[in-house]
Amino acid sequence: MISSMDVAEIESLSFEDSYSRLERVIQKLEGGELSLDESVALFEEGMQLARHCGQKLDDAELNVSQLLSAVAEHEATRQEGFSEG
């Protein structure tokens, strides 16, 4: 069995590492060879990993959105400069 990770360990993972770990957890759960307690513990970890991945994606989406807004603002300012000149 793969050993369980606690919340602090999960929060320290990158998106890629979290996603990879989540895939391994899912494979283990789908294997059907775990006790009920092991299954519940892995399910809980999987839920934490899924939340962590979701948060990382939300953060990345916000960063991209902010960058696009900054670029659009810069372009609008630049266009104004050309039309005034």
N, C-alpha and C. Protein backbone atom coordinates (compact mmCIF):
# COMPACT_ATOMS: atom_id res chain seq x y z
N MET A 1 0.84 -1.19 0.00
CA MET A 1 0.00 0.00 0.00
C MET A 1 0.88 1.25 0.00
N ILE A 2 0.41 2.29 -0.69
CA ILE A 2 1.13 3.56 -0.63
C ILE A 2 0.80 4.23 0.70
N SER A 3 1.80 4.85 1.29
CA SER A 3 1.58 5.46 2.60
C SER A 3 0.78 6.75 2.45
N SER A 4 -0.05 7.03 3.44
CA SER A 4 -0.89 8.22 3.41
C SER A 4 -0.08 9.48 3.66
N MET A 5 -0.51 10.57 3.04
CA MET A 5 0.12 11.87 3.23
C MET A 5 -0.81 12.72 4.08
N ASP A 6 -0.21 13.59 4.92
CA ASP A 6 -1.05 14.50 5.69
C ASP A 6 -1.25 15.80 4.90
N VAL A 7 -2.11 16.66 5.41
CA VAL A 7 -2.48 17.88 4.70
C VAL A 7 -1.27 18.77 4.41
N ALA A 8 -0.38 18.91 5.38
CA ALA A 8 0.81 19.76 5.18
C ALA A 8 1.68 19.21 4.05
N GLU A 9 1.82 17.90 3.98
CA GLU A 9 2.62 17.30 2.90
C GLU A 9 1.95 17.56 1.55
N ILE A 10 0.63 17.40 1.51
CA ILE A 10 -0.10 17.61 0.26
C ILE A 10 0.02 19.06 -0.19
N GLU A 11 -0.12 20.01 0.74
CA GLU A 11 -0.06 21.42 0.39
C GLU A 11 1.32 21.85 -0.09
N SER A 12 2.34 21.08 0.23
CA SER A 12 3.69 21.43 -0.22
C SER A 12 3.99 20.90 -1.63
N LEU A 13 3.09 20.09 -2.18
CA LEU A 13 3.32 19.49 -3.49
C LEU A 13 2.99 20.47 -4.62
N SER A 14 3.71 20.31 -5.72
CA SER A 14 3.37 21.05 -6.94
C SER A 14 2.10 20.43 -7.53
N PHE A 15 1.52 21.11 -8.51
CA PHE A 15 0.34 20.56 -9.18
C PHE A 15 0.66 19.20 -9.79
N GLU A 16 1.79 19.13 -10.48
CA GLU A 16 2.15 17.89 -11.18
C GLU A 16 2.33 16.73 -10.21
N ASP A 17 3.00 16.98 -9.08
CA ASP A 17 3.21 15.93 -8.09
C ASP A 17 1.89 15.52 -7.44
N SER A 18 1.02 16.50 -7.19
CA SER A 18 -0.29 16.21 -6.60
C SER A 18 -1.12 15.36 -7.54
N TYR A 19 -1.11 15.73 -8.81
CA TYR A 19 -1.90 15.01 -9.80
C TYR A 19 -1.40 13.58 -9.96
N SER A 20 -0.09 13.43 -9.99
CA SER A 20 0.51 12.10 -10.10
C SER A 20 0.13 11.24 -8.89
N ARG A 21 0.21 11.83 -7.73
CA ARG A 21 -0.15 11.12 -6.49
C ARG A 21 -1.64 10.74 -6.53
N LEU A 22 -2.47 11.66 -6.98
CA LEU A 22 -3.91 11.39 -7.08
C LEU A 22 -4.17 10.22 -8.02
N GLU A 23 -3.46 10.17 -9.13
CA GLU A 23 -3.62 9.04 -10.07
C GLU A 23 -3.26 7.72 -9.40
N ARG A 24 -2.18 7.71 -8.62
CA ARG A 24 -1.77 6.48 -7.92
C ARG A 24 -2.81 6.08 -6.87
N VAL A 25 -3.36 7.05 -6.17
CA VAL A 25 -4.40 6.78 -5.18
C VAL A 25 -5.62 6.15 -5.86
N ILE A 26 -6.03 6.72 -6.98
CA ILE A 26 -7.19 6.20 -7.71
C ILE A 26 -6.94 4.77 -8.18
N GLN A 27 -5.75 4.52 -8.73
CA GLN A 27 -5.42 3.16 -9.18
C GLN A 27 -5.49 2.17 -8.02
N LYS A 28 -4.97 2.59 -6.88
CA LYS A 28 -4.98 1.71 -5.71
C LYS A 28 -6.41 1.43 -5.26
N LEU A 29 -7.23 2.46 -5.24
CA LEU A 29 -8.63 2.28 -4.84
C LEU A 29 -9.38 1.40 -5.83
N GLU A 30 -9.11 1.57 -7.10
CA GLU A 30 -9.78 0.77 -8.13
C GLU A 30 -9.33 -0.69 -8.11
N GLY A 31 -8.15 -0.93 -7.54
CA GLY A 31 -7.63 -2.30 -7.47
C GLY A 31 -8.48 -3.21 -6.60
N GLY A 32 -9.17 -2.63 -5.63
CA GLY A 32 -10.09 -3.38 -4.81
C GLY A 32 -9.46 -4.34 -3.81
N GLU A 33 -8.17 -4.21 -3.53
CA GLU A 33 -7.50 -5.14 -2.62
C GLU A 33 -7.24 -4.53 -1.24
N LEU A 34 -7.90 -3.41 -0.93
CA LEU A 34 -7.66 -2.73 0.33
C LEU A 34 -8.75 -3.07 1.35
N SER A 35 -8.37 -2.95 2.61
CA SER A 35 -9.38 -3.08 3.66
C SER A 35 -10.27 -1.84 3.63
N LEU A 36 -11.37 -1.87 4.34
CA LEU A 36 -12.26 -0.73 4.40
C LEU A 36 -11.53 0.49 4.98
N ASP A 37 -10.80 0.29 6.06
CA ASP A 37 -10.07 1.40 6.67
C ASP A 37 -9.03 2.00 5.72
N GLU A 38 -8.31 1.15 5.00
CA GLU A 38 -7.32 1.63 4.04
C GLU A 38 -8.01 2.40 2.91
N SER A 39 -9.14 1.87 2.45
CA SER A 39 -9.89 2.53 1.38
C SER A 39 -10.38 3.91 1.81
N VAL A 40 -10.92 3.98 3.02
CA VAL A 40 -11.41 5.27 3.52
C VAL A 40 -10.26 6.27 3.66
N ALA A 41 -9.14 5.83 4.20
CA ALA A 41 -7.99 6.72 4.37
C ALA A 41 -7.49 7.22 3.02
N LEU A 42 -7.40 6.34 2.03
CA LEU A 42 -6.95 6.75 0.70
C LEU A 42 -7.97 7.64 0.02
N PHE A 43 -9.26 7.36 0.24
CA PHE A 43 -10.30 8.21 -0.34
C PHE A 43 -10.18 9.63 0.21
N GLU A 44 -9.99 9.74 1.52
CA GLU A 44 -9.83 11.06 2.15
C GLU A 44 -8.61 11.79 1.58
N GLU A 45 -7.52 11.06 1.43
CA GLU A 45 -6.32 11.66 0.85
C GLU A 45 -6.58 12.10 -0.58
N GLY A 46 -7.28 11.26 -1.33
CA GLY A 46 -7.62 11.60 -2.72
C GLY A 46 -8.45 12.87 -2.80
N MET A 47 -9.38 13.03 -1.89
CA MET A 47 -10.20 14.24 -1.87
C MET A 47 -9.34 15.47 -1.56
N GLN A 48 -8.40 15.33 -0.63
CA GLN A 48 -7.49 16.44 -0.31
C GLN A 48 -6.61 16.78 -1.51
N LEU A 49 -6.12 15.74 -2.18
CA LEU A 49 -5.30 15.96 -3.38
C LEU A 49 -6.10 16.64 -4.48
N ALA A 50 -7.34 16.22 -4.67
CA ALA A 50 -8.20 16.82 -5.70
C ALA A 50 -8.45 18.30 -5.38
N ARG A 51 -8.72 18.60 -4.12
CA ARG A 51 -8.92 20.01 -3.72
C ARG A 51 -7.64 20.82 -3.97
N HIS A 52 -6.50 20.23 -3.61
CA HIS A 52 -5.22 20.91 -3.80
C HIS A 52 -4.97 21.18 -5.29
N CYS A 53 -5.22 20.20 -6.12
CA CYS A 53 -5.04 20.38 -7.57
C CYS A 53 -5.99 21.48 -8.07
N GLY A 54 -7.22 21.45 -7.61
CA GLY A 54 -8.19 22.47 -8.01
C GLY A 54 -7.74 23.86 -7.62
N GLN A 55 -7.19 24.00 -6.41
CA GLN A 55 -6.70 25.29 -5.94
C GLN A 55 -5.52 25.77 -6.78
N LYS A 56 -4.62 24.84 -7.10
CA LYS A 56 -3.47 25.20 -7.94
C LYS A 56 -3.94 25.68 -9.32
N LEU A 57 -4.94 25.00 -9.88
CA LEU A 57 -5.47 25.41 -11.18
C LEU A 57 -6.16 26.77 -11.09
N ASP A 58 -6.92 27.00 -10.02
CA ASP A 58 -7.57 28.29 -9.82
C ASP A 58 -6.54 29.41 -9.72
N ASP A 59 -5.45 29.15 -8.97
CA ASP A 59 -4.39 30.14 -8.83
C ASP A 59 -3.74 30.45 -10.18
N ALA A 60 -3.49 29.42 -10.96
CA ALA A 60 -2.88 29.61 -12.28
C ALA A 60 -3.82 30.38 -13.19
N GLU A 61 -5.10 30.07 -13.14
CA GLU A 61 -6.09 30.78 -13.96
C GLU A 61 -6.14 32.26 -13.58
N LEU A 62 -6.10 32.56 -12.30
CA LEU A 62 -6.09 33.94 -11.84
C LEU A 62 -4.84 34.67 -12.34
N ASN A 63 -3.69 34.02 -12.25
CA ASN A 63 -2.45 34.64 -12.74
C ASN A 63 -2.52 34.94 -14.23
N VAL A 64 -3.02 33.99 -15.01
CA VAL A 64 -3.14 34.19 -16.45
C VAL A 64 -4.11 35.33 -16.74
N SER A 65 -5.22 35.36 -16.03
CA SER A 65 -6.21 36.41 -16.22
C SER A 65 -5.62 37.79 -15.91
N GLN A 66 -4.86 37.88 -14.82
CA GLN A 66 -4.22 39.15 -14.46
C GLN A 66 -3.20 39.57 -15.51
N LEU A 67 -2.44 38.61 -16.01
CA LEU A 67 -1.45 38.92 -17.05
C LEU A 67 -2.13 39.41 -18.32
N LEU A 68 -3.22 38.75 -18.72
CA LEU A 68 -3.94 39.16 -19.92
C LEU A 68 -4.54 40.54 -19.76
N SER A 69 -5.05 40.83 -18.57
CA SER A 69 -5.60 42.16 -18.30
C SER A 69 -4.52 43.23 -18.38
N ALA A 70 -3.36 42.93 -17.83
CA ALA A 70 -2.25 43.88 -17.87
C ALA A 70 -1.80 44.13 -19.30
N VAL A 71 -1.74 43.08 -20.10
CA VAL A 71 -1.34 43.23 -21.50
C VAL A 71 -2.39 44.05 -22.25
N ALA A 72 -3.66 43.75 -22.03
CA ALA A 72 -4.73 44.49 -22.70
C ALA A 72 -4.70 45.97 -22.31
N GLU A 73 -4.46 46.24 -21.03
CA GLU A 73 -4.38 47.62 -20.56
C GLU A 73 -3.19 48.34 -21.21
N HIS A 74 -2.07 47.63 -21.28
CA HIS A 74 -0.88 48.21 -21.91
C HIS A 74 -1.15 48.51 -23.38
N GLU A 75 -1.79 47.58 -24.07
CA GLU A 75 -2.09 47.77 -25.49
C GLU A 75 -3.06 48.93 -25.69
N ALA A 76 -4.05 49.06 -24.81
CA ALA A 76 -5.02 50.16 -24.92
C ALA A 76 -4.32 51.51 -24.71
N THR A 77 -3.42 51.56 -23.75
CA THR A 77 -2.66 52.77 -23.48
C THR A 77 -1.78 53.11 -24.69
N ARG A 78 -1.18 52.11 -25.26
CA ARG A 78 -0.32 52.29 -26.42
C ARG A 78 -1.11 52.79 -27.62
N GLN A 79 -2.31 52.22 -27.81
CA GLN A 79 -3.17 52.64 -28.91
C GLN A 79 -3.62 54.09 -28.74
N GLU A 80 -3.92 54.49 -27.51
CA GLU A 80 -4.30 55.87 -27.23
C GLU A 80 -3.17 56.81 -27.59
N GLY A 81 -1.95 56.41 -27.27
CA GLY A 81 -0.78 57.22 -27.60
C GLY A 81 -0.63 57.41 -29.10
N PHE A 82 -0.94 56.38 -29.89
CA PHE A 82 -0.82 56.48 -31.34
C PHE A 82 -1.94 57.37 -31.92
N SER A 83 -3.12 57.26 -31.35
CA SER A 83 -4.24 58.05 -31.89
C SER A 83 -4.12 59.53 -31.55
N GLU A 84 -3.46 59.85 -30.43
CA GLU A 84 -3.28 61.24 -30.04
C GLU A 84 -2.13 61.89 -30.79
N GLY A 85 -1.22 61.10 -31.23
CA GLY A 85 0.00 61.64 -31.84
C GLY A 85 -0.09 61.77 -33.28
